[in-house]
């Protein structure tokens, strides 16, 4: 397997991993497990409600920074960085 194929495979694996995390947080915590999470309160709000309204957005923003950081590492590893 060539370096380009390995780079692309690592990139796709990273994207899929980020999408899985976002799906679990937004759909799982915000919809599927909302009733169970509502028994926990954060700042006066039920946790299930918080994940549905804010948690998935915060997770998405954190994933953007994680993706950029991880892609910079992959770029350096496969010598395709823009530096």
N, C-alpha and C. Protein backbone atom coordinates (compact mmCIF):
# COMPACT_ATOMS: atom_id res chain seq x y z
N UNK A 1 0.85 -1.17 0.00
CA UNK A 1 0.00 0.00 0.00
C UNK A 1 0.89 1.24 0.00
N UNK A 2 0.57 2.19 -0.86
CA UNK A 2 1.39 3.40 -0.97
C UNK A 2 1.12 4.35 0.21
N UNK A 3 2.02 5.31 0.36
CA UNK A 3 1.86 6.30 1.43
C UNK A 3 0.59 7.12 1.24
N UNK A 4 0.25 7.42 -0.01
CA UNK A 4 -0.97 8.19 -0.28
C UNK A 4 -2.21 7.42 0.17
N UNK A 5 -2.22 6.12 -0.07
CA UNK A 5 -3.35 5.30 0.36
C UNK A 5 -3.42 5.21 1.89
N UNK A 6 -2.27 5.08 2.53
CA UNK A 6 -2.23 5.03 3.99
C UNK A 6 -2.70 6.35 4.59
N UNK A 7 -2.28 7.45 3.98
CA UNK A 7 -2.70 8.78 4.45
C UNK A 7 -4.21 8.93 4.32
N UNK A 8 -4.75 8.56 3.17
CA UNK A 8 -6.18 8.66 2.94
C UNK A 8 -6.96 7.76 3.90
N UNK A 9 -6.46 6.56 4.13
CA UNK A 9 -7.11 5.64 5.06
C UNK A 9 -7.12 6.20 6.48
N UNK A 10 -6.01 6.79 6.90
CA UNK A 10 -5.94 7.40 8.23
C UNK A 10 -6.89 8.60 8.33
N UNK A 11 -6.98 9.37 7.27
CA UNK A 11 -7.88 10.52 7.24
C UNK A 11 -9.34 10.07 7.35
N UNK A 12 -9.73 9.09 6.58
CA UNK A 12 -11.10 8.58 6.62
C UNK A 12 -11.41 7.98 7.99
N UNK A 13 -10.46 7.26 8.57
CA UNK A 13 -10.66 6.68 9.90
C UNK A 13 -10.90 7.78 10.93
N UNK A 14 -10.16 8.87 10.83
CA UNK A 14 -10.32 10.00 11.73
C UNK A 14 -11.70 10.66 11.56
N UNK A 15 -12.11 10.87 10.32
CA UNK A 15 -13.41 11.48 10.05
C UNK A 15 -14.53 10.60 10.59
N UNK A 16 -14.46 9.31 10.34
CA UNK A 16 -15.50 8.40 10.83
C UNK A 16 -15.53 8.39 12.35
N UNK A 17 -14.38 8.38 12.98
CA UNK A 17 -14.33 8.41 14.44
C UNK A 17 -14.97 9.67 15.00
N UNK A 18 -14.68 10.82 14.39
CA UNK A 18 -15.29 12.08 14.84
C UNK A 18 -16.80 12.07 14.63
N UNK A 19 -17.25 11.55 13.50
CA UNK A 19 -18.68 11.47 13.24
C UNK A 19 -19.40 10.54 14.22
N UNK A 20 -18.76 9.45 14.58
CA UNK A 20 -19.35 8.53 15.56
C UNK A 20 -19.50 9.21 16.91
N UNK A 21 -18.47 9.91 17.34
CA UNK A 21 -18.54 10.62 18.63
C UNK A 21 -19.66 11.66 18.59
N UNK A 22 -19.73 12.43 17.51
CA UNK A 22 -20.75 13.46 17.42
C UNK A 22 -22.15 12.84 17.40
N UNK A 23 -22.32 11.72 16.67
CA UNK A 23 -23.61 11.05 16.62
C UNK A 23 -24.02 10.54 17.99
N UNK A 24 -23.11 9.91 18.70
CA UNK A 24 -23.42 9.38 20.03
C UNK A 24 -23.83 10.50 20.97
N UNK A 25 -23.10 11.62 20.93
CA UNK A 25 -23.42 12.73 21.83
C UNK A 25 -24.74 13.40 21.43
N UNK A 26 -24.90 13.71 20.15
CA UNK A 26 -26.09 14.46 19.74
C UNK A 26 -27.34 13.59 19.71
N UNK A 27 -27.28 12.45 19.07
CA UNK A 27 -28.46 11.59 18.95
C UNK A 27 -28.64 10.73 20.19
N UNK A 28 -27.55 10.13 20.65
CA UNK A 28 -27.65 9.24 21.81
C UNK A 28 -27.99 9.98 23.08
N UNK A 29 -27.18 10.97 23.44
CA UNK A 29 -27.40 11.69 24.70
C UNK A 29 -28.57 12.66 24.60
N UNK A 30 -28.79 13.25 23.43
CA UNK A 30 -29.84 14.24 23.28
C UNK A 30 -31.22 13.66 23.04
N UNK A 31 -31.29 12.43 22.51
CA UNK A 31 -32.59 11.84 22.16
C UNK A 31 -32.80 10.48 22.82
N UNK A 32 -31.91 9.53 22.53
CA UNK A 32 -32.13 8.16 23.00
C UNK A 32 -32.06 8.01 24.52
N UNK A 33 -31.07 8.65 25.13
CA UNK A 33 -30.87 8.49 26.57
C UNK A 33 -31.29 9.73 27.36
N UNK A 34 -32.09 10.60 26.74
CA UNK A 34 -32.47 11.86 27.38
C UNK A 34 -33.24 11.63 28.67
N UNK A 35 -34.14 10.69 28.69
CA UNK A 35 -34.94 10.45 29.90
C UNK A 35 -34.06 10.00 31.06
N UNK A 36 -33.11 9.11 30.81
CA UNK A 36 -32.21 8.66 31.86
C UNK A 36 -31.30 9.80 32.32
N UNK A 37 -30.82 10.61 31.39
CA UNK A 37 -29.92 11.71 31.73
C UNK A 37 -30.63 12.85 32.43
N UNK A 38 -31.94 12.95 32.26
CA UNK A 38 -32.69 14.04 32.88
C UNK A 38 -32.74 13.93 34.40
N UNK A 39 -32.36 12.79 34.95
CA UNK A 39 -32.33 12.66 36.41
C UNK A 39 -31.12 13.39 37.00
N UNK A 40 -30.17 13.78 36.15
CA UNK A 40 -28.98 14.51 36.57
C UNK A 40 -29.16 15.97 36.15
N UNK A 41 -28.79 16.87 37.02
CA UNK A 41 -28.94 18.30 36.73
C UNK A 41 -27.58 19.00 36.67
N UNK A 42 -27.44 19.90 35.71
CA UNK A 42 -26.24 20.74 35.58
C UNK A 42 -26.72 22.19 35.52
N UNK A 43 -26.32 22.97 36.48
CA UNK A 43 -26.71 24.37 36.51
C UNK A 43 -28.21 24.58 36.54
N UNK A 44 -28.94 23.65 37.13
CA UNK A 44 -30.38 23.76 37.21
C UNK A 44 -31.13 23.16 36.04
N UNK A 45 -30.40 22.73 35.01
CA UNK A 45 -31.03 22.14 33.83
C UNK A 45 -30.83 20.63 33.83
N UNK A 46 -31.81 19.93 33.29
CA UNK A 46 -31.68 18.48 33.18
C UNK A 46 -30.61 18.15 32.15
N UNK A 47 -29.82 17.13 32.43
CA UNK A 47 -28.68 16.79 31.57
C UNK A 47 -29.11 16.40 30.16
N UNK A 48 -30.20 15.66 30.03
CA UNK A 48 -30.69 15.28 28.70
C UNK A 48 -31.07 16.50 27.88
N UNK A 49 -31.75 17.45 28.52
CA UNK A 49 -32.11 18.70 27.85
C UNK A 49 -30.85 19.48 27.47
N UNK A 50 -29.88 19.53 28.40
CA UNK A 50 -28.64 20.25 28.14
C UNK A 50 -27.91 19.67 26.93
N UNK A 51 -27.82 18.33 26.85
CA UNK A 51 -27.15 17.72 25.69
C UNK A 51 -27.90 18.03 24.40
N UNK A 52 -29.22 18.02 24.45
CA UNK A 52 -30.00 18.29 23.25
C UNK A 52 -29.82 19.73 22.80
N UNK A 53 -29.70 20.67 23.74
CA UNK A 53 -29.63 22.08 23.39
C UNK A 53 -28.20 22.60 23.23
N UNK A 54 -27.28 22.19 24.09
CA UNK A 54 -25.94 22.77 24.10
C UNK A 54 -24.82 21.74 23.94
N UNK A 55 -24.97 20.59 24.54
CA UNK A 55 -23.89 19.61 24.59
C UNK A 55 -23.40 19.17 23.23
N UNK A 56 -24.33 18.94 22.30
CA UNK A 56 -23.90 18.50 20.97
C UNK A 56 -23.15 19.61 20.24
N UNK A 57 -23.52 20.85 20.48
CA UNK A 57 -22.82 21.97 19.84
C UNK A 57 -21.41 22.10 20.40
N UNK A 58 -21.28 22.03 21.73
CA UNK A 58 -19.95 22.10 22.35
C UNK A 58 -19.07 20.94 21.88
N UNK A 59 -19.67 19.77 21.78
CA UNK A 59 -18.91 18.60 21.31
C UNK A 59 -18.45 18.81 19.87
N UNK A 60 -19.32 19.35 19.03
CA UNK A 60 -18.96 19.60 17.64
C UNK A 60 -17.79 20.58 17.55
N UNK A 61 -17.83 21.66 18.32
CA UNK A 61 -16.74 22.63 18.30
C UNK A 61 -15.43 21.99 18.79
N UNK A 62 -15.52 21.18 19.85
CA UNK A 62 -14.33 20.48 20.36
C UNK A 62 -13.80 19.51 19.30
N UNK A 63 -14.69 18.84 18.57
CA UNK A 63 -14.26 17.92 17.52
C UNK A 63 -13.57 18.66 16.38
N UNK A 64 -13.99 19.87 16.08
CA UNK A 64 -13.32 20.66 15.04
C UNK A 64 -11.86 20.90 15.43
N UNK A 65 -11.64 21.32 16.68
CA UNK A 65 -10.27 21.56 17.13
C UNK A 65 -9.46 20.26 17.19
N UNK A 66 -10.10 19.18 17.64
CA UNK A 66 -9.42 17.88 17.69
C UNK A 66 -9.04 17.43 16.28
N UNK A 67 -9.97 17.58 15.33
CA UNK A 67 -9.70 17.16 13.96
C UNK A 67 -8.53 17.95 13.36
N UNK A 68 -8.53 19.26 13.57
CA UNK A 68 -7.44 20.09 13.04
C UNK A 68 -6.10 19.68 13.65
N UNK A 69 -6.08 19.47 14.96
CA UNK A 69 -4.84 19.05 15.64
C UNK A 69 -4.37 17.69 15.13
N UNK A 70 -5.30 16.75 15.02
CA UNK A 70 -4.94 15.39 14.58
C UNK A 70 -4.51 15.38 13.11
N UNK A 71 -5.16 16.17 12.26
CA UNK A 71 -4.77 16.23 10.85
C UNK A 71 -3.39 16.84 10.70
N UNK A 72 -3.06 17.82 11.53
CA UNK A 72 -1.69 18.37 11.48
C UNK A 72 -0.67 17.29 11.82
N UNK A 73 -0.99 16.44 12.78
CA UNK A 73 -0.09 15.33 13.11
C UNK A 73 0.03 14.37 11.94
N UNK A 74 -1.10 14.02 11.32
CA UNK A 74 -1.06 13.11 10.16
C UNK A 74 -0.30 13.74 9.00
N UNK A 75 -0.50 15.02 8.76
CA UNK A 75 0.22 15.70 7.68
C UNK A 75 1.73 15.62 7.89
N UNK A 76 2.16 15.85 9.13
CA UNK A 76 3.61 15.76 9.42
C UNK A 76 4.10 14.32 9.28
N UNK A 77 3.30 13.37 9.74
CA UNK A 77 3.71 11.97 9.68
C UNK A 77 3.90 11.51 8.23
N UNK A 78 3.00 11.94 7.34
CA UNK A 78 3.08 11.52 5.94
C UNK A 78 3.76 12.56 5.05
N UNK A 79 4.36 13.56 5.68
CA UNK A 79 5.13 14.60 4.97
C UNK A 79 4.31 15.31 3.91
N UNK A 80 3.10 15.68 4.25
CA UNK A 80 2.27 16.48 3.36
C UNK A 80 1.84 17.78 4.03
N UNK A 81 2.58 18.17 5.07
CA UNK A 81 2.24 19.40 5.81
C UNK A 81 2.53 20.63 4.95
N UNK A 82 1.85 21.72 5.30
CA UNK A 82 1.98 22.95 4.53
C UNK A 82 3.05 23.88 5.07
N UNK A 83 3.79 23.47 6.08
CA UNK A 83 4.83 24.32 6.69
C UNK A 83 5.96 24.54 5.73
